[in-house]
Amino acid sequence: MEEEAATAAQGDRSDGLAYLFWTTGRERKSYVRLKPAGVTIGSGPRSDAVIADADMAPEQARIRNEDGAWFMYDLSAGGATRLEGTDVYRAELHDGARVTLGHSSAIFRVLE
């Protein structure tokens, strides 16, 4: 029983805690905690994390953990989802990466 609990706890740590720390825009100095199953970010009420940015789609991007790695997917038709200044459709995120959605920028961080 203790061994199962230790294995489950270790599995939780392998995904780490991931966050977007907003550095620009109206959400500056706030953050979004990312769930391994995925978080949708956008300006509309159906998004898990609603960001006040007129240039962000109602459902702009989705970030989720896949086998221990974090990926960001562009959900908008406008292409305003950027990683390190480059438009992306699907991209793997690394600790410290700069993400821009609409006119709002954030730093992606994984805390183990």
PDB file of N, CA and C in Angstrom:
ATOM      1  N   MET A   1       0.825  -1.185   0.000  1.00  0.00           N
ATOM      2  CA  MET A   1       0.000   0.000   0.000  1.00  0.00           C
ATOM      3  C   MET A   1       0.874   1.255   0.000  1.00  0.00           C
ATOM      4  N   GLU A   2       1.906   1.303   0.841  1.00  0.00           N
ATOM      5  CA  GLU A   2       2.811   2.458   0.874  1.00  0.00           C
ATOM      6  C   GLU A   2       3.527   2.612  -0.456  1.00  0.00           C
ATOM      7  N   GLU A   3       3.888   1.480  -1.061  1.00  0.00           N
ATOM      8  CA  GLU A   3       4.585   1.507  -2.343  1.00  0.00           C
ATOM      9  C   GLU A   3       3.703   2.130  -3.425  1.00  0.00           C
ATOM     10  N   GLU A   4       2.401   1.795  -3.429  1.00  0.00           N
ATOM     11  CA  GLU A   4       1.472   2.371  -4.401  1.00  0.00           C
ATOM     12  C   GLU A   4       1.354   3.877  -4.215  1.00  0.00           C
ATOM     13  N   ALA A   5       1.271   4.320  -2.960  1.00  0.00           N
ATOM     14  CA  ALA A   5       1.171   5.756  -2.682  1.00  0.00           C
ATOM     15  C   ALA A   5       2.423   6.483  -3.131  1.00  0.00           C
ATOM     16  N   ALA A   6       3.591   5.878  -2.905  1.00  0.00           N
ATOM     17  CA  ALA A   6       4.849   6.492  -3.325  1.00  0.00           C
ATOM     18  C   ALA A   6       4.911   6.589  -4.846  1.00  0.00           C
ATOM     19  N   THR A   7       4.452   5.546  -5.536  1.00  0.00           N
ATOM     20  CA  THR A   7       4.452   5.547  -7.001  1.00  0.00           C
ATOM     21  C   THR A   7       3.494   6.618  -7.524  1.00  0.00           C
ATOM     22  N   ALA A   8       2.308   6.725  -6.920  1.00  0.00           N
ATOM     23  CA  ALA A   8       1.343   7.737  -7.345  1.00  0.00           C
ATOM     24  C   ALA A   8       1.898   9.142  -7.124  1.00  0.00           C
ATOM     25  N   ALA A   9       2.523   9.374  -5.982  1.00  0.00           N
ATOM     26  CA  ALA A   9       3.110  10.690  -5.696  1.00  0.00           C
ATOM     27  C   ALA A   9       4.220  11.012  -6.672  1.00  0.00           C
ATOM     28  N   GLN A  10       5.038  10.020  -6.997  1.00  0.00           N
ATOM     29  CA  GLN A  10       6.128  10.230  -7.947  1.00  0.00           C
ATOM     30  C   GLN A  10       5.556  10.571  -9.321  1.00  0.00           C
ATOM     31  N   GLY A  11       4.454   9.909  -9.723  1.00  0.00           N
ATOM     32  CA  GLY A  11       3.816  10.204 -11.001  1.00  0.00           C
ATOM     33  C   GLY A  11       3.319  11.630 -11.049  1.00  0.00           C
ATOM     34  N   ASP A  12       2.771  12.136  -9.938  1.00  0.00           N
ATOM     35  CA  ASP A  12       2.313  13.519  -9.882  1.00  0.00           C
ATOM     36  C   ASP A  12       3.471  14.477 -10.056  1.00  0.00           C
ATOM     37  N   ARG A  13       4.618  14.185  -9.458  1.00  0.00           N
ATOM     38  CA  ARG A  13       5.773  15.085  -9.564  1.00  0.00           C
ATOM     39  C   ARG A  13       6.354  15.091 -10.965  1.00  0.00           C
ATOM     40  N   SER A  14       6.277  13.976 -11.688  1.00  0.00           N
ATOM     41  CA  SER A  14       6.901  13.931 -13.015  1.00  0.00           C
ATOM     42  C   SER A  14       6.241  14.920 -13.982  1.00  0.00           C
ATOM     43  N   ASP A  15       4.951  15.202 -13.785  1.00  0.00           N
ATOM     44  CA  ASP A  15       4.279  16.176 -14.632  1.00  0.00           C
ATOM     45  C   ASP A  15       4.647  17.594 -14.215  1.00  0.00           C
ATOM     46  N   GLY A  16       5.092  17.773 -12.979  1.00  0.00           N
ATOM     47  CA  GLY A  16       5.468  19.084 -12.485  1.00  0.00           C
ATOM     48  C   GLY A  16       4.279  20.015 -12.400  1.00  0.00           C
ATOM     49  N   LEU A  17       4.500  21.141 -11.801  1.00  0.00           N
ATOM     50  CA  LEU A  17       3.499  22.198 -11.780  1.00  0.00           C
ATOM     51  C   LEU A  17       3.916  23.204 -12.840  1.00  0.00           C
ATOM     52  N   ALA A  18       3.008  23.517 -13.730  1.00  0.00           N
ATOM     53  CA  ALA A  18       3.343  24.441 -14.811  1.00  0.00           C
ATOM     54  C   ALA A  18       2.440  25.662 -14.735  1.00  0.00           C
ATOM     55  N   TYR A  19       3.013  26.807 -15.077  1.00  0.00           N
ATOM     56  CA  TYR A  19       2.307  28.083 -14.992  1.00  0.00           C
ATOM     57  C   TYR A  19       2.655  28.967 -16.187  1.00  0.00           C
ATOM     58  N   LEU A  20       1.733  29.871 -16.495  1.00  0.00           N
ATOM     59  CA  LEU A  20       2.033  31.017 -17.355  1.00  0.00           C
ATOM     60  C   LEU A  20       2.000  32.236 -16.449  1.00  0.00           C
ATOM     61  N   PHE A  21       3.109  32.955 -16.378  1.00  0.00           N
ATOM     62  CA  PHE A  21       3.199  34.197 -15.617  1.00  0.00           C
ATOM     63  C   PHE A  21       3.120  35.351 -16.612  1.00  0.00           C
ATOM     64  N   TRP A  22       2.024  36.116 -16.581  1.00  0.00           N
ATOM     65  CA  TRP A  22       1.803  37.188 -17.546  1.00  0.00           C
ATOM     66  C   TRP A  22       2.742  38.355 -17.282  1.00  0.00           C
ATOM     67  N   THR A  23       3.399  38.818 -18.335  1.00  0.00           N
ATOM     68  CA  THR A  23       4.371  39.906 -18.222  1.00  0.00           C
ATOM     69  C   THR A  23       3.908  41.193 -18.892  1.00  0.00           C
ATOM     70  N   THR A  24       2.894  41.099 -19.758  1.00  0.00           N
ATOM     71  CA  THR A  24       2.338  42.287 -20.420  1.00  0.00           C
ATOM     72  C   THR A  24       0.823  42.161 -20.469  1.00  0.00           C
ATOM     73  N   GLY A  25       0.170  43.235 -20.874  1.00  0.00           N
ATOM     74  CA  GLY A  25      -1.284  43.227 -21.016  1.00  0.00           C
ATOM     75  C   GLY A  25      -1.984  43.483 -19.694  1.00  0.00           C
ATOM     76  N   ARG A  26      -3.295  43.399 -19.731  1.00  0.00           N
ATOM     77  CA  ARG A  26      -4.108  43.680 -18.547  1.00  0.00           C
ATOM     78  C   ARG A  26      -3.881  42.663 -17.434  1.00  0.00           C
ATOM     79  N   GLU A  27      -3.441  41.477 -17.784  1.00  0.00           N
ATOM     80  CA  GLU A  27      -3.232  40.410 -16.796  1.00  0.00           C
ATOM     81  C   GLU A  27      -1.831  40.445 -16.193  1.00  0.00           C
ATOM     82  N   ARG A  28      -1.040  41.448 -16.557  1.00  0.00           N
ATOM     83  CA  ARG A  28       0.340  41.572 -16.065  1.00  0.00           C
ATOM     84  C   ARG A  28       0.395  41.343 -14.559  1.00  0.00           C
ATOM     85  N   LYS A  29       1.380  40.597 -14.121  1.00  0.00           N
ATOM     86  CA  LYS A  29       1.618  40.256 -12.718  1.00  0.00           C
ATOM     87  C   LYS A  29       0.644  39.212 -12.173  1.00  0.00           C
ATOM     88  N   SER A  30      -0.136  38.560 -13.052  1.00  0.00           N
ATOM     89  CA  SER A  30      -0.984  37.459 -12.613  1.00  0.00           C
ATOM     90  C   SER A  30      -0.474  36.183 -13.281  1.00  0.00           C
ATOM     91  N   TYR A  31      -1.083  35.067 -12.972  1.00  0.00           N
ATOM     92  CA  TYR A  31      -0.629  33.803 -13.546  1.00  0.00           C
ATOM     93  C   TYR A  31      -1.798  32.859 -13.763  1.00  0.00           C
ATOM     94  N   VAL A  32      -1.541  31.836 -14.583  1.00  0.00           N
ATOM     95  CA  VAL A  32      -2.485  30.758 -14.835  1.00  0.00           C
ATOM     96  C   VAL A  32      -1.778  29.454 -14.485  1.00  0.00           C
ATOM     97  N   ARG A  33      -2.371  28.662 -13.609  1.00  0.00           N
ATOM     98  CA  ARG A  33      -1.825  27.334 -13.319  1.00  0.00           C
ATOM     99  C   ARG A  33      -2.344  26.382 -14.384  1.00  0.00           C
ATOM    100  N   LEU A  34      -1.439  25.653 -15.009  1.00  0.00           N
ATOM    101  CA  LEU A  34      -1.785  24.749 -16.094  1.00  0.00           C
ATOM    102  C   LEU A  34      -2.013  23.342 -15.556  1.00  0.00           C
ATOM    103  N   LYS A  35      -3.100  22.734 -15.966  1.00  0.00           N
ATOM    104  CA  LYS A  35      -3.433  21.371 -15.562  1.00  0.00           C
ATOM    105  C   LYS A  35      -2.877  20.415 -16.606  1.00  0.00           C
ATOM    106  N   PRO A  36      -2.320  19.280 -16.180  1.00  0.00           N
ATOM    107  CA  PRO A  36      -1.774  18.331 -17.146  1.00  0.00           C
ATOM    108  C   PRO A  36      -2.772  17.905 -18.227  1.00  0.00           C
ATOM    109  N   ALA A  37      -4.062  17.785 -17.883  1.00  0.00           N
ATOM    110  CA  ALA A  37      -5.074  17.380 -18.862  1.00  0.00           C
ATOM    111  C   ALA A  37      -5.343  18.475 -19.887  1.00  0.00           C
ATOM    112  N   GLY A  38      -4.981  19.710 -19.564  1.00  0.00           N
ATOM    113  CA  GLY A  38      -5.120  20.801 -20.513  1.00  0.00           C
ATOM    114  C   GLY A  38      -5.899  21.982 -19.985  1.00  0.00           C
ATOM    115  N   VAL A  39      -5.513  23.160 -20.463  1.00  0.00           N
ATOM    116  CA  VAL A  39      -6.168  24.421 -20.133  1.00  0.00           C
ATOM    117  C   VAL A  39      -6.323  25.209 -21.427  1.00  0.00           C
ATOM    118  N   THR A  40      -7.544  25.679 -21.680  1.00  0.00           N
ATOM    119  CA  THR A  40      -7.804  26.532 -22.831  1.00  0.00           C
ATOM    120  C   THR A  40      -7.714  27.981 -22.369  1.00  0.00           C
ATOM    121  N   ILE A  41      -6.996  28.787 -23.150  1.00  0.00           N
ATOM    122  CA  ILE A  41      -6.783  30.197 -22.813  1.00  0.00           C
ATOM    123  C   ILE A  41      -7.367  31.046 -23.933  1.00  0.00           C
ATOM    124  N   GLY A  42      -8.139  32.051 -23.567  1.00  0.00           N
ATOM    125  CA  GLY A  42      -8.726  32.931 -24.564  1.00  0.00           C
ATOM    126  C   GLY A  42      -9.482  34.067 -23.918  1.00  0.00           C
ATOM    127  N   SER A  43     -10.123  34.877 -24.750  1.00  0.00           N
ATOM    128  CA  SER A  43     -10.851  36.043 -24.244  1.00  0.00           C
ATOM    129  C   SER A  43     -12.323  35.748 -23.979  1.00  0.00           C
ATOM    130  N   GLY A  44     -12.787  34.573 -24.366  1.00  0.00           N
ATOM    131  CA  GLY A  44     -14.202  34.244 -24.222  1.00  0.00           C
ATOM    132  C   GLY A  44     -14.533  33.444 -22.978  1.00  0.00           C
ATOM    133  N   PRO A  45     -15.793  33.452 -22.572  1.00  0.00           N
ATOM    134  CA  PRO A  45     -16.214  32.797 -21.337  1.00  0.00           C
ATOM    135  C   PRO A  45     -16.091  31.276 -21.348  1.00  0.00           C
ATOM    136  N   ARG A  46     -15.964  30.657 -22.507  1.00  0.00           N
ATOM    137  CA  ARG A  46     -15.821  29.201 -22.571  1.00  0.00           C
ATOM    138  C   ARG A  46     -14.388  28.737 -22.312  1.00  0.00           C
ATOM    139  N   SER A  47     -13.442  29.667 -22.286  1.00  0.00           N
ATOM    140  CA  SER A  47     -12.047  29.320 -21.997  1.00  0.00           C
ATOM    141  C   SER A  47     -11.893  29.038 -20.510  1.00  0.00           C
ATOM    142  N   ASP A  48     -10.947  28.146 -20.182  1.00  0.00           N
ATOM    143  CA  ASP A  48     -10.648  27.857 -18.773  1.00  0.00           C
ATOM    144  C   ASP A  48      -9.995  29.063 -18.108  1.00  0.00           C
ATOM    145  N   ALA A  49      -9.121  29.739 -18.842  1.00  0.00           N
ATOM    146  CA  ALA A  49      -8.452  30.948 -18.350  1.00  0.00           C
ATOM    147  C   ALA A  49      -8.853  32.097 -19.276  1.00  0.00           C
ATOM    148  N   VAL A  50      -9.659  33.008 -18.771  1.00  0.00           N
ATOM    149  CA  VAL A  50     -10.152  34.131 -19.575  1.00  0.00           C
ATOM    150  C   VAL A  50      -9.200  35.310 -19.396  1.00  0.00           C
ATOM    151  N   ILE A  51      -8.675  35.797 -20.526  1.00  0.00           N
ATOM    152  CA  ILE A  51      -7.714  36.895 -20.541  1.00  0.00           C
ATOM    153  C   ILE A  51      -8.353  38.094 -21.246  1.00  0.00           C
ATOM    154  N   ALA A  52      -8.305  39.256 -20.609  1.00  0.00           N
ATOM    155  CA  ALA A  52      -8.874  40.483 -21.187  1.00  0.00           C
ATOM    156  C   ALA A  52      -7.907  41.042 -22.225  1.00  0.00           C
ATOM    157  N   ASP A  53      -8.081  40.618 -23.476  1.00  0.00           N
ATOM    158  CA  ASP A  53      -7.216  41.069 -24.569  1.00  0.00           C
ATOM    159  C   ASP A  53      -8.068  41.076 -25.835  1.00  0.00           C
ATOM    160  N   ALA A  54      -8.352  42.256 -26.371  1.00  0.00           N
ATOM    161  CA  ALA A  54      -9.212  42.387 -27.546  1.00  0.00           C
ATOM    162  C   ALA A  54      -8.638  41.688 -28.772  1.00  0.00           C
ATOM    163  N   ASP A  55      -7.321  41.442 -28.800  1.00  0.00           N
ATOM    164  CA  ASP A  55      -6.697  40.788 -29.947  1.00  0.00           C
ATOM    165  C   ASP A  55      -6.565  39.278 -29.763  1.00  0.00           C
ATOM    166  N   MET A  56      -7.122  38.753 -28.692  1.00  0.00           N
ATOM    167  CA  MET A  56      -7.079  37.318 -28.434  1.00  0.00           C
ATOM    168  C   MET A  56      -8.425  36.712 -28.825  1.00  0.00           C
ATOM    169  N   ALA A  57      -8.393  35.563 -29.475  1.00  0.00           N
ATOM    170  CA  ALA A  57      -9.620  34.859 -29.850  1.00  0.00           C
ATOM    171  C   ALA A  57     -10.330  34.352 -28.596  1.00  0.00           C
ATOM    172  N   PRO A  58     -11.637  34.104 -28.696  1.00  0.00           N
ATOM    173  CA  PRO A  58     -12.354  33.570 -27.538  1.00  0.00           C
ATOM    174  C   PRO A  58     -11.731  32.282 -26.987  1.00  0.00           C
ATOM    175  N   GLU A  59     -11.210  31.447 -27.858  1.00  0.00           N
ATOM    176  CA  GLU A  59     -10.436  30.260 -27.480  1.00  0.00           C
ATOM    177  C   GLU A  59      -9.159  30.294 -28.314  1.00  0.00           C
ATOM    178  N   GLN A  60      -8.130  30.929 -27.778  1.00  0.00           N
ATOM    179  CA  GLN A  60      -6.895  31.196 -28.520  1.00  0.00           C
ATOM    180  C   GLN A  60      -5.954  29.999 -28.581  1.00  0.00           C
ATOM    181  N   ALA A  61      -5.714  29.382 -27.415  1.00  0.00           N
ATOM    182  CA  ALA A  61      -4.711  28.308 -27.367  1.00  0.00           C
ATOM    183  C   ALA A  61      -5.078  27.298 -26.285  1.00  0.00           C
ATOM    184  N   ARG A  62      -4.513  26.117 -26.415  1.00  0.00           N
ATOM    185  CA  ARG A  62      -4.660  25.077 -25.401  1.00  0.00           C
ATOM    186  C   ARG A  62      -3.267  24.581 -25.058  1.00  0.00           C
ATOM    187  N   ILE A  63      -3.001  24.439 -23.768  1.00  0.00           N
ATOM    188  CA  ILE A  63      -1.716  23.923 -23.301  1.00  0.00           C
ATOM    189  C   ILE A  63      -2.001  22.680 -22.483  1.00  0.00           C
ATOM    190  N   ARG A  64      -1.273  21.603 -22.783  1.00  0.00           N
ATOM    191  CA  ARG A  64      -1.460  20.361 -22.031  1.00  0.00           C
ATOM    192  C   ARG A  64      -0.173  19.565 -21.959  1.00  0.00           C
ATOM    193  N   ASN A  65      -0.156  18.632 -21.021  1.00  0.00           N
ATOM    194  CA  ASN A  65       1.005  17.774 -20.824  1.00  0.00           C
ATOM    195  C   ASN A  65       0.789  16.477 -21.585  1.00  0.00           C
ATOM    196  N   GLU A  66       1.787  16.089 -22.354  1.00  0.00           N
ATOM    197  CA  GLU A  66       1.735  14.839 -23.104  1.00  0.00           C
ATOM    198  C   GLU A  66       2.983  14.037 -22.774  1.00  0.00           C
ATOM    199  N   ASP A  67       2.803  12.970 -22.017  1.00  0.00           N
ATOM    200  CA  ASP A  67       3.910  12.081 -21.642  1.00  0.00           C
ATOM    201  C   ASP A  67       5.078  12.838 -21.012  1.00  0.00           C
ATOM    202  N   GLY A  68       4.770  13.779 -20.130  1.00  0.00           N
ATOM    203  CA  GLY A  68       5.810  14.505 -19.406  1.00  0.00           C
ATOM    204  C   GLY A  68       6.314  15.763 -20.083  1.00  0.00           C
ATOM    205  N   ALA A  69       5.851  16.050 -21.302  1.00  0.00           N
ATOM    206  CA  ALA A  69       6.256  17.269 -22.012  1.00  0.00           C
ATOM    207  C   ALA A  69       5.022  18.155 -22.191  1.00  0.00           C
ATOM    208  N   TRP A  70       5.233  19.472 -22.120  1.00  0.00           N
ATOM    209  CA  TRP A  70       4.133  20.426 -22.271  1.00  0.00           C
ATOM    210  C   TRP A  70       4.073  20.941 -23.701  1.00  0.00           C
ATOM    211  N   PHE A  71       2.855  20.966 -24.269  1.00  0.00           N
ATOM    212  CA  PHE A  71       2.649  21.425 -25.639  1.00  0.00           C
ATOM    213  C   PHE A  71       1.577  22.501 -25.681  1.00  0.00           C
ATOM    214  N   MET A  72       1.757  23.457 -26.578  1.00  0.00           N
ATOM    215  CA  MET A  72       0.782  24.518 -26.807  1.00  0.00           C
ATOM    216  C   MET A  72       0.229  24.346 -28.226  1.00  0.00           C
ATOM    217  N   TYR A  73      -1.094  24.453 -28.341  1.00  0.00           N
ATOM    218  CA  TYR A  73      -1.789  24.340 -29.620  1.00  0.00           C
ATOM    219  C   TYR A  73      -2.531  25.635 -29.908  1.00  0.00           C
ATOM    220  N   ASP A  74      -2.413  26.130 -31.125  1.00  0.00           N
ATOM    221  CA  ASP A  74      -3.160  27.311 -31.561  1.00  0.00           C
ATOM    222  C   ASP A  74      -4.570  26.859 -31.920  1.00  0.00           C
ATOM    223  N   LEU A  75      -5.580  27.491 -31.340  1.00  0.00           N
ATOM    224  CA  LEU A  75      -6.979  27.168 -31.634  1.00  0.00           C
ATOM    225  C   LEU A  75      -7.646  28.240 -32.487  1.00  0.00           C
ATOM    226  N   SER A  76      -6.945  29.338 -32.720  1.00  0.00           N
ATOM    227  CA  SER A  76      -7.540  30.465 -33.437  1.00  0.00           C
ATOM    228  C   SER A  76      -7.292  30.335 -34.935  1.00  0.00           C
ATOM    229  N   ALA A  77      -8.085  31.054 -35.691  1.00  0.00           N
ATOM    230  CA  ALA A  77      -7.886  31.083 -37.142  1.00  0.00           C
ATOM    231  C   ALA A  77      -6.942  32.211 -37.539  1.00  0.00           C
ATOM    232  N   GLY A  78      -6.676  33.126 -36.587  1.00  0.00           N
ATOM    233  CA  GLY A  78      -5.888  34.313 -36.888  1.00  0.00           C
ATOM    234  C   GLY A  78      -4.390  34.147 -36.771  1.00  0.00           C
ATOM    235  N   GLY A  79      -3.907  33.098 -36.116  1.00  0.00           N
ATOM    236  CA  GLY A  79      -2.474  32.876 -35.999  1.00  0.00           C
ATOM    237  C   GLY A  79      -1.757  33.806 -35.042  1.00  0.00           C
ATOM    238  N   ALA A  80      -2.442  34.271 -33.996  1.00  0.00           N
ATOM    239  CA  ALA A  80      -1.792  35.165 -33.027  1.00  0.00           C
ATOM    240  C   ALA A  80      -1.269  34.381 -31.825  1.00  0.00           C
ATOM    241  N   THR A  81      -0.853  33.149 -32.054  1.00  0.00           N
ATOM    242  CA  THR A  81      -0.263  32.313 -31.009  1.00  0.00           C
ATOM    243  C   THR A  81       1.217  32.173 -31.342  1.00  0.00           C
ATOM    244  N   ARG A  82       2.069  32.738 -30.467  1.00  0.00           N
ATOM    245  CA  ARG A  82       3.498  32.758 -30.773  1.00  0.00           C
ATOM    246  C   ARG A  82       4.321  32.190 -29.629  1.00  0.00           C
ATOM    247  N   LEU A  83       5.396  31.547 -30.002  1.00  0.00           N
ATOM    248  CA  LEU A  83       6.392  31.039 -29.056  1.00  0.00           C
ATOM    249  C   LEU A  83       7.717  31.663 -29.441  1.00  0.00           C
ATOM    250  N   GLU A  84       8.299  32.408 -28.518  1.00  0.00           N
ATOM    251  CA  GLU A  84       9.564  33.107 -28.767  1.00  0.00           C
ATOM    252  C   GLU A  84       9.485  33.967 -30.031  1.00  0.00           C
ATOM    253  N   GLY A  85       8.307  34.588 -30.274  1.00  0.00           N
ATOM    254  CA  GLY A  85       8.137  35.498 -31.396  1.00  0.00           C
ATOM    255  C   GLY A  85       7.769  34.848 -32.712  1.00  0.00           C
ATOM    256  N   THR A  86       7.669  33.521 -32.762  1.00  0.00           N
ATOM    257  CA  THR A  86       7.341  32.805 -33.999  1.00  0.00           C
ATOM    258  C   THR A  86       5.933  32.229 -33.910  1.00  0.00           C
ATOM    259  N   ASP A  87       5.112  32.473 -34.957  1.00  0.00           N
ATOM    260  CA  ASP A  87       3.770  31.898 -34.997  1.00  0.00           C
ATOM    261  C   ASP A  87       3.875  30.376 -34.972  1.00  0.00           C
ATOM    262  N   VAL A  88       3.014  29.747 -34.174  1.00  0.00           N
ATOM    263  CA  VAL A  88       3.031  28.284 -34.074  1.00  0.00           C
ATOM    264  C   VAL A  88       1.617  27.739 -34.139  1.00  0.00           C
ATOM    265  N   TYR A  89       1.498  26.511 -34.621  1.00  0.00           N
ATOM    266  CA  TYR A  89       0.245  25.772 -34.574  1.00  0.00           C
ATOM    267  C   TYR A  89       0.307  24.779 -33.418  1.00  0.00           C
ATOM    268  N   ARG A  90       1.449  24.085 -33.301  1.00  0.00           N
ATOM    269  CA  ARG A  90       1.711  23.144 -32.212  1.00  0.00           C
ATOM    270  C   ARG A  90       3.185  23.284 -31.871  1.00  0.00           C
ATOM    271  N   ALA A  91       3.469  23.451 -30.583  1.00  0.00           N
ATOM    272  CA  ALA A  91       4.871  23.620 -30.199  1.00  0.00           C
ATOM    273  C   ALA A  91       5.089  23.081 -28.796  1.00  0.00           C
ATOM    274  N   GLU A  92       6.256  22.476 -28.596  1.00  0.00           N
ATOM    275  CA  GLU A  92       6.631  22.021 -27.263  1.00  0.00           C
ATOM    276  C   GLU A  92       7.171  23.216 -26.480  1.00  0.00           C
ATOM    277  N   LEU A  93       6.724  23.323 -25.232  1.00  0.00           N
ATOM    278  CA  LEU A  93       7.149  24.414 -24.370  1.00  0.00           C
ATOM    279  C   LEU A  93       8.255  23.948 -23.438  1.00  0.00           C
ATOM    280  N   HIS A  94       9.226  24.798 -23.220  1.00  0.00           N
ATOM    281  CA  HIS A  94      10.325  24.527 -22.297  1.00  0.00           C
ATOM    282  C   HIS A  94      10.333  25.597 -21.220  1.00  0.00           C
ATOM    283  N   ASP A  95      10.802  25.240 -20.046  1.00  0.00           N
ATOM    284  CA  ASP A  95      10.844  26.168 -18.926  1.00  0.00           C
ATOM    285  C   ASP A  95      11.524  27.475 -19.339  1.00  0.00           C
ATOM    286  N   GLY A  96      10.855  28.580 -19.080  1.00  0.00           N
ATOM    287  CA  GLY A  96      11.399  29.893 -19.414  1.00  0.00           C
ATOM    288  C   GLY A  96      10.984  30.421 -20.770  1.00  0.00           C
ATOM    289  N   ALA A  97      10.203  29.641 -21.536  1.00  0.00           N
ATOM    290  CA  ALA A  97       9.786  30.070 -22.877  1.00  0.00           C
ATOM    291  C   ALA A  97       8.847  31.264 -22.799  1.00  0.00           C
ATOM    292  N   ARG A  98       8.956  32.154 -23.794  1.00  0.00           N
ATOM    293  CA  ARG A  98       8.087  33.328 -23.886  1.00  0.00           C
ATOM    294  C   ARG A  98       6.943  33.019 -24.841  1.00  0.00           C
ATOM    295  N   VAL A  99       5.724  33.096 -24.320  1.00  0.00           N
ATOM    296  CA  VAL A  99       4.504  32.808 -25.067  1.00  0.00           C
ATOM    297  C   VAL A  99       3.750  34.112 -25.270  1.00  0.00           C
ATOM    298  N   THR A 100       3.246  34.343 -26.484  1.00  0.00           N
ATOM    299  CA  THR A 100       2.431  35.527 -26.755  1.00  0.00           C
ATOM    300  C   THR A 100       1.119  35.069 -27.364  1.00  0.00           C
ATOM    301  N   LEU A 101       0.027  35.511 -26.744  1.00  0.00           N
ATOM    302  CA  LEU A 101      -1.326  35.231 -27.233  1.00  0.00           C
ATOM    303  C   LEU A 101      -2.009  36.575 -27.407  1.00  0.00           C
ATOM    304  N   GLY A 102      -2.415  36.902 -28.636  1.00  0.00           N
ATOM    305  CA  GLY A 102      -2.929  38.240 -28.899  1.00  0.00           C
ATOM    306  C   GLY A 102      -1.817  39.241 -28.653  1.00  0.00           C
ATOM    307  N   HIS A 103      -2.079  40.231 -27.793  1.00  0.00           N
ATOM    308  CA  HIS A 103      -1.046  41.201 -27.410  1.00  0.00           C
ATOM    309  C   HIS A 103      -0.532  40.967 -25.998  1.00  0.00           C
ATOM    310  N   SER A 104      -0.878  39.830 -25.405  1.00  0.00           N
ATOM    311  CA  SER A 104      -0.459  39.517 -24.036  1.00  0.00           C
ATOM    312  C   SER A 104       0.654  38.485 -24.060  1.00  0.00           C
ATOM    313  N   SER A 105       1.705  38.753 -23.290  1.00  0.00           N
ATOM    314  CA  SER A 105       2.854  37.844 -23.237  1.00  0.00           C
ATOM    315  C   SER A 105       2.996  37.257 -21.843  1.00  0.00           C
ATOM    316  N   ALA A 106       3.531  36.034 -21.811  1.00  0.00           N
ATOM    317  CA  ALA A 106       3.741  35.339 -20.544  1.00  0.00           C
ATOM    318  C   ALA A 106       5.010  34.515 -20.630  1.00  0.00           C
ATOM    319  N   ILE A 107       5.523  34.171 -19.480  1.00  0.00           N
ATOM    320  CA  ILE A 107       6.664  33.259 -19.374  1.00  0.00           C
ATOM    321  C   ILE A 107       6.128  31.923 -18.878  1.00  0.00           C
ATOM    322  N   PHE A 108       6.462  30.850 -19.595  1.00  0.00           N
ATOM    323  CA  PHE A 108       6.072  29.496 -19.200  1.00  0.00           C
ATOM    324  C   PHE A 108       7.096  28.974 -18.200  1.00  0.00           C
ATOM    325  N   ARG A 109       6.616  28.490 -17.057  1.00  0.00           N
ATOM    326  CA  ARG A 109       7.518  27.958 -16.038  1.00  0.00           C
ATOM    327  C   ARG A 109       7.034  26.610 -15.547  1.00  0.00           C
ATOM    328  N   VAL A 110       7.962  25.686 -15.354  1.00  0.00           N
ATOM    329  CA  VAL A 110       7.667  24.380 -14.763  1.00  0.00           C
ATOM    330  C   VAL A 110       8.382  24.350 -13.428  1.00  0.00           C
ATOM    331  N   LEU A 111       7.616  24.098 -12.382  1.00  0.00           N
ATOM    332  CA  LEU A 111       8.173  24.027 -11.030  1.00  0.00           C
ATOM    333  C   LEU A 111       8.070  22.582 -10.568  1.00  0.00           C
ATOM    334  N   GLU A 112       9.187  21.960 -10.348  1.00  0.00           N
ATOM    335  CA  GLU A 112       9.223  20.542  -9.948  1.00  0.00           C
ATOM    336  C   GLU A 112       9.040  20.401  -8.455  1.00  0.00           C
TER     337      GLU A 112
END
